[in-house]
Amino acid sequence: MTRWIGECLAVFPSPEWSALNADIARRPRTDPAAARFRHFILAGAHEADPDGQGRITVPAHLREYAALTSEAVVIGNSDHLEVWEPGRWKAHLATVQTDIERDVRDLGI
């Protein structure tokens, strides 16, 4: 589990986390953008195993980053889950809905 773009958290299964780390490791250490990404993603990342009911504990520093209190929105996003504070998710989704038609056109989908 780690910080993610959009002030949410990302939860990766072990194989996808390993693949992401391998991709990060291929980037030049001297590339400022790669260094920022490493610091953002890896610093503060937390490994967690689900309990018997499939729950994981979110450490305080990640709850604070994502502004999580008593409720959260969990969405699937291809190879990972994202955990959002409900108000942030609503605002993000509004932006997505505004831009999606142009994005789909630009992506050629």
N, C-alpha and C. Protein backbone atom coordinates (compact mmCIF):
# COMPACT_ATOMS: atom_id res chain seq x y z
N MET A 1 0.86 -1.16 0.00
CA MET A 1 0.00 0.00 0.00
C MET A 1 0.90 1.22 0.00
N THR A 2 0.52 2.23 -0.80
CA THR A 2 1.35 3.42 -0.90
C THR A 2 0.53 4.63 -1.31
N ARG A 3 1.17 5.79 -1.22
CA ARG A 3 0.53 7.01 -1.73
C ARG A 3 0.36 6.85 -3.23
N TRP A 4 -0.66 7.52 -3.78
CA TRP A 4 -0.87 7.44 -5.21
C TRP A 4 -1.31 8.79 -5.73
N ILE A 5 -1.28 8.90 -7.01
CA ILE A 5 -1.62 10.15 -7.69
C ILE A 5 -3.09 10.47 -7.42
N GLY A 6 -3.37 11.72 -7.12
CA GLY A 6 -4.74 12.14 -6.84
C GLY A 6 -5.07 12.16 -5.36
N GLU A 7 -4.04 12.08 -4.53
CA GLU A 7 -4.23 12.08 -3.08
C GLU A 7 -5.10 10.92 -2.60
N CYS A 8 -4.86 9.76 -3.20
CA CYS A 8 -5.50 8.53 -2.75
C CYS A 8 -4.38 7.54 -2.43
N LEU A 9 -4.77 6.33 -2.06
CA LEU A 9 -3.81 5.27 -1.80
C LEU A 9 -3.96 4.20 -2.87
N ALA A 10 -2.88 3.50 -3.15
CA ALA A 10 -2.91 2.37 -4.06
C ALA A 10 -2.51 1.12 -3.29
N VAL A 11 -3.24 0.04 -3.55
CA VAL A 11 -2.96 -1.25 -2.93
C VAL A 11 -2.64 -2.22 -4.07
N PHE A 12 -1.41 -2.71 -4.08
CA PHE A 12 -0.95 -3.61 -5.14
C PHE A 12 -0.80 -5.03 -4.62
N PRO A 13 -1.23 -6.02 -5.39
CA PRO A 13 -0.86 -7.40 -5.06
C PRO A 13 0.66 -7.54 -5.24
N SER A 14 1.25 -8.49 -4.55
CA SER A 14 2.71 -8.65 -4.58
C SER A 14 3.31 -8.71 -5.98
N PRO A 15 2.75 -9.49 -6.92
CA PRO A 15 3.38 -9.54 -8.25
C PRO A 15 3.39 -8.19 -8.97
N GLU A 16 2.30 -7.43 -8.84
CA GLU A 16 2.24 -6.12 -9.49
C GLU A 16 3.17 -5.12 -8.80
N TRP A 17 3.30 -5.23 -7.47
CA TRP A 17 4.22 -4.36 -6.73
C TRP A 17 5.66 -4.65 -7.17
N SER A 18 5.98 -5.92 -7.34
CA SER A 18 7.33 -6.30 -7.81
C SER A 18 7.58 -5.76 -9.21
N ALA A 19 6.57 -5.85 -10.08
CA ALA A 19 6.72 -5.34 -11.45
C ALA A 19 6.91 -3.82 -11.44
N LEU A 20 6.16 -3.12 -10.60
CA LEU A 20 6.32 -1.67 -10.51
C LEU A 20 7.72 -1.32 -10.01
N ASN A 21 8.20 -2.03 -9.00
CA ASN A 21 9.55 -1.78 -8.49
C ASN A 21 10.61 -2.07 -9.54
N ALA A 22 10.41 -3.11 -10.33
CA ALA A 22 11.37 -3.43 -11.40
C ALA A 22 11.38 -2.32 -12.44
N ASP A 23 10.21 -1.80 -12.75
CA ASP A 23 10.13 -0.69 -13.71
C ASP A 23 10.83 0.55 -13.17
N ILE A 24 10.61 0.84 -11.90
CA ILE A 24 11.27 1.99 -11.26
C ILE A 24 12.79 1.80 -11.29
N ALA A 25 13.25 0.59 -11.01
CA ALA A 25 14.69 0.30 -10.96
C ALA A 25 15.36 0.48 -12.32
N ARG A 26 14.61 0.33 -13.41
CA ARG A 26 15.18 0.50 -14.75
C ARG A 26 15.40 1.97 -15.11
N ARG A 27 14.81 2.86 -14.36
CA ARG A 27 14.94 4.30 -14.65
C ARG A 27 16.30 4.80 -14.15
N PRO A 28 16.87 5.75 -14.86
CA PRO A 28 18.17 6.29 -14.41
C PRO A 28 18.05 6.92 -13.03
N ARG A 29 18.99 6.59 -12.17
CA ARG A 29 19.00 7.15 -10.81
C ARG A 29 19.18 8.67 -10.82
N THR A 30 19.78 9.17 -11.88
CA THR A 30 20.05 10.61 -11.96
C THR A 30 18.91 11.39 -12.59
N ASP A 31 17.87 10.72 -13.05
CA ASP A 31 16.72 11.40 -13.65
C ASP A 31 15.87 11.99 -12.53
N PRO A 32 15.73 13.32 -12.50
CA PRO A 32 14.98 13.94 -11.41
C PRO A 32 13.52 13.47 -11.32
N ALA A 33 12.87 13.24 -12.45
CA ALA A 33 11.47 12.78 -12.43
C ALA A 33 11.39 11.37 -11.84
N ALA A 34 12.34 10.52 -12.20
CA ALA A 34 12.36 9.16 -11.66
C ALA A 34 12.63 9.18 -10.16
N ALA A 35 13.53 10.06 -9.73
CA ALA A 35 13.83 10.17 -8.30
C ALA A 35 12.60 10.64 -7.53
N ARG A 36 11.87 11.62 -8.07
CA ARG A 36 10.65 12.09 -7.41
C ARG A 36 9.62 10.96 -7.31
N PHE A 37 9.48 10.20 -8.40
CA PHE A 37 8.53 9.09 -8.40
C PHE A 37 8.93 8.05 -7.36
N ARG A 38 10.21 7.69 -7.29
CA ARG A 38 10.68 6.74 -6.28
C ARG A 38 10.37 7.25 -4.88
N HIS A 39 10.68 8.51 -4.63
CA HIS A 39 10.42 9.07 -3.30
C HIS A 39 8.93 9.07 -2.98
N PHE A 40 8.12 9.43 -3.97
CA PHE A 40 6.69 9.52 -3.75
C PHE A 40 6.08 8.14 -3.50
N ILE A 41 6.45 7.16 -4.32
CA ILE A 41 5.84 5.84 -4.24
C ILE A 41 6.46 4.97 -3.14
N LEU A 42 7.78 4.96 -3.05
CA LEU A 42 8.45 4.02 -2.16
C LEU A 42 8.57 4.51 -0.72
N ALA A 43 8.79 5.81 -0.55
CA ALA A 43 8.91 6.35 0.81
C ALA A 43 7.54 6.29 1.48
N GLY A 44 7.46 5.58 2.53
CA GLY A 44 6.20 5.48 3.25
C GLY A 44 5.31 4.33 2.81
N ALA A 45 5.76 3.55 1.81
CA ALA A 45 4.97 2.38 1.41
C ALA A 45 4.90 1.42 2.59
N HIS A 46 3.81 0.68 2.64
CA HIS A 46 3.57 -0.20 3.78
C HIS A 46 3.10 -1.55 3.28
N GLU A 47 3.76 -2.61 3.72
CA GLU A 47 3.34 -3.96 3.37
C GLU A 47 2.33 -4.44 4.39
N ALA A 48 1.23 -5.00 3.91
CA ALA A 48 0.18 -5.46 4.82
C ALA A 48 -0.43 -6.74 4.29
N ASP A 49 -0.68 -7.67 5.18
CA ASP A 49 -1.37 -8.90 4.84
C ASP A 49 -2.80 -8.80 5.34
N PRO A 50 -3.75 -9.22 4.51
CA PRO A 50 -5.15 -9.17 4.95
C PRO A 50 -5.39 -10.09 6.15
N ASP A 51 -6.31 -9.66 7.01
CA ASP A 51 -6.70 -10.51 8.13
C ASP A 51 -7.68 -11.57 7.64
N GLY A 52 -8.24 -12.33 8.53
CA GLY A 52 -9.14 -13.42 8.18
C GLY A 52 -10.39 -12.97 7.43
N GLN A 53 -10.76 -11.69 7.56
CA GLN A 53 -11.93 -11.17 6.87
C GLN A 53 -11.54 -10.35 5.64
N GLY A 54 -10.25 -10.40 5.25
CA GLY A 54 -9.80 -9.70 4.05
C GLY A 54 -9.50 -8.22 4.26
N ARG A 55 -9.45 -7.78 5.50
CA ARG A 55 -9.19 -6.37 5.79
C ARG A 55 -7.69 -6.14 5.99
N ILE A 56 -7.26 -4.92 5.67
CA ILE A 56 -5.89 -4.52 5.97
C ILE A 56 -5.93 -3.23 6.78
N THR A 57 -4.94 -3.07 7.61
CA THR A 57 -4.83 -1.86 8.43
C THR A 57 -4.06 -0.81 7.64
N VAL A 58 -4.62 0.38 7.57
CA VAL A 58 -3.96 1.50 6.89
C VAL A 58 -3.20 2.29 7.95
N PRO A 59 -1.86 2.39 7.81
CA PRO A 59 -1.10 3.12 8.83
C PRO A 59 -1.45 4.61 8.85
N ALA A 60 -1.20 5.22 9.99
CA ALA A 60 -1.60 6.62 10.22
C ALA A 60 -1.06 7.56 9.16
N HIS A 61 0.21 7.41 8.75
CA HIS A 61 0.77 8.36 7.78
C HIS A 61 0.08 8.28 6.43
N LEU A 62 -0.41 7.09 6.06
CA LEU A 62 -1.14 6.97 4.80
C LEU A 62 -2.59 7.44 4.95
N ARG A 63 -3.20 7.18 6.11
CA ARG A 63 -4.55 7.73 6.36
C ARG A 63 -4.52 9.24 6.30
N GLU A 64 -3.49 9.83 6.87
CA GLU A 64 -3.36 11.29 6.85
C GLU A 64 -3.19 11.81 5.42
N TYR A 65 -2.31 11.18 4.65
CA TYR A 65 -2.08 11.61 3.26
C TYR A 65 -3.38 11.59 2.47
N ALA A 66 -4.16 10.52 2.62
CA ALA A 66 -5.39 10.36 1.84
C ALA A 66 -6.61 10.98 2.51
N ALA A 67 -6.41 11.62 3.67
CA ALA A 67 -7.50 12.26 4.43
C ALA A 67 -8.61 11.26 4.77
N LEU A 68 -8.22 10.04 5.09
CA LEU A 68 -9.20 9.02 5.44
C LEU A 68 -9.58 9.13 6.91
N THR A 69 -10.87 9.09 7.16
CA THR A 69 -11.36 9.10 8.54
C THR A 69 -12.20 7.84 8.73
N SER A 70 -13.50 7.97 8.76
CA SER A 70 -14.35 6.82 9.07
C SER A 70 -14.85 6.08 7.84
N GLU A 71 -14.81 6.70 6.67
CA GLU A 71 -15.32 6.06 5.46
C GLU A 71 -14.30 6.17 4.35
N ALA A 72 -14.38 5.24 3.40
CA ALA A 72 -13.49 5.25 2.24
C ALA A 72 -14.24 4.66 1.05
N VAL A 73 -13.81 5.05 -0.12
CA VAL A 73 -14.29 4.47 -1.37
C VAL A 73 -13.13 3.66 -1.94
N VAL A 74 -13.40 2.40 -2.26
CA VAL A 74 -12.37 1.52 -2.83
C VAL A 74 -12.80 1.19 -4.25
N ILE A 75 -11.90 1.47 -5.19
CA ILE A 75 -12.19 1.17 -6.60
C ILE A 75 -11.11 0.27 -7.17
N GLY A 76 -11.48 -0.53 -8.13
CA GLY A 76 -10.51 -1.33 -8.86
C GLY A 76 -9.96 -0.53 -10.03
N ASN A 77 -8.68 -0.62 -10.26
CA ASN A 77 -8.07 0.10 -11.36
C ASN A 77 -7.01 -0.78 -12.01
N SER A 78 -7.45 -1.70 -12.84
CA SER A 78 -6.59 -2.61 -13.59
C SER A 78 -5.78 -3.51 -12.66
N ASP A 79 -4.55 -3.11 -12.33
CA ASP A 79 -3.66 -3.99 -11.56
C ASP A 79 -3.57 -3.65 -10.09
N HIS A 80 -4.39 -2.71 -9.62
CA HIS A 80 -4.35 -2.31 -8.21
C HIS A 80 -5.71 -1.78 -7.77
N LEU A 81 -5.86 -1.64 -6.47
CA LEU A 81 -7.03 -0.97 -5.90
C LEU A 81 -6.63 0.45 -5.53
N GLU A 82 -7.58 1.36 -5.56
CA GLU A 82 -7.36 2.70 -5.05
C GLU A 82 -8.33 2.95 -3.90
N VAL A 83 -7.83 3.60 -2.87
CA VAL A 83 -8.63 3.91 -1.68
C VAL A 83 -8.72 5.43 -1.59
N TRP A 84 -9.94 5.94 -1.65
CA TRP A 84 -10.20 7.38 -1.71
C TRP A 84 -11.04 7.84 -0.52
N GLU A 85 -10.78 9.03 -0.09
CA GLU A 85 -11.69 9.74 0.81
C GLU A 85 -12.91 10.07 -0.05
N PRO A 86 -14.14 9.83 0.42
CA PRO A 86 -15.32 9.98 -0.43
C PRO A 86 -15.46 11.34 -1.13
N GLY A 87 -15.16 12.43 -0.45
CA GLY A 87 -15.27 13.74 -1.08
C GLY A 87 -14.24 13.94 -2.19
N ARG A 88 -13.03 13.45 -1.97
CA ARG A 88 -11.99 13.53 -3.01
C ARG A 88 -12.38 12.68 -4.21
N TRP A 89 -12.94 11.48 -3.96
CA TRP A 89 -13.35 10.63 -5.07
C TRP A 89 -14.44 11.31 -5.88
N LYS A 90 -15.41 11.91 -5.21
CA LYS A 90 -16.50 12.58 -5.91
C LYS A 90 -15.96 13.71 -6.79
N ALA A 91 -15.02 14.50 -6.26
CA ALA A 91 -14.43 15.59 -7.04
C ALA A 91 -13.61 15.04 -8.21
N HIS A 92 -12.84 13.98 -7.95
CA HIS A 92 -12.03 13.38 -9.01
C HIS A 92 -12.93 12.82 -10.11
N LEU A 93 -13.98 12.12 -9.72
CA LEU A 93 -14.89 11.54 -10.69
C LEU A 93 -15.57 12.62 -11.53
N ALA A 94 -15.88 13.75 -10.93
CA ALA A 94 -16.47 14.86 -11.70
C ALA A 94 -15.50 15.34 -12.77
N THR A 95 -14.22 15.43 -12.43
CA THR A 95 -13.20 15.83 -13.40
C THR A 95 -13.08 14.78 -14.51
N VAL A 96 -13.06 13.52 -14.11
CA VAL A 96 -12.98 12.44 -15.10
C VAL A 96 -14.16 12.52 -16.06
N GLN A 97 -15.34 12.70 -15.53
CA GLN A 97 -16.53 12.75 -16.37
C GLN A 97 -16.51 13.95 -17.31
N THR A 98 -15.89 15.04 -16.89
CA THR A 98 -15.78 16.22 -17.75
C THR A 98 -14.81 15.97 -18.89
N ASP A 99 -13.72 15.26 -18.63
CA ASP A 99 -12.64 15.10 -19.61
C ASP A 99 -12.69 13.81 -20.41
N ILE A 100 -13.54 12.86 -20.05
CA ILE A 100 -13.46 11.52 -20.63
C ILE A 100 -13.73 11.49 -22.13
N GLU A 101 -14.67 12.26 -22.62
CA GLU A 101 -14.98 12.21 -24.05
C GLU A 101 -13.76 12.61 -24.88
N ARG A 102 -13.09 13.68 -24.49
CA ARG A 102 -11.89 14.12 -25.19
C ARG A 102 -10.78 13.10 -25.04
N ASP A 103 -10.62 12.55 -23.82
CA ASP A 103 -9.57 11.56 -23.58
C ASP A 103 -9.76 10.32 -24.43
N VAL A 104 -10.98 9.82 -24.52
CA VAL A 104 -11.25 8.64 -25.33
C VAL A 104 -10.93 8.92 -26.79
N ARG A 105 -11.31 10.08 -27.26
CA ARG A 105 -11.01 10.47 -28.63
C ARG A 105 -9.50 10.55 -28.85
N ASP A 106 -8.77 11.18 -27.91
CA ASP A 106 -7.32 11.32 -28.02
C ASP A 106 -6.62 9.97 -27.95
N LEU A 107 -7.17 9.03 -27.20
CA LEU A 107 -6.58 7.69 -27.08
C LEU A 107 -6.93 6.79 -28.27
N GLY A 108 -7.85 7.26 -29.10
CA GLY A 108 -8.26 6.47 -30.25
C GLY A 108 -9.13 5.30 -29.90
N ILE A 109 -9.84 5.41 -28.80
CA ILE A 109 -10.72 4.30 -28.36
C ILE A 109 -12.11 4.53 -28.90
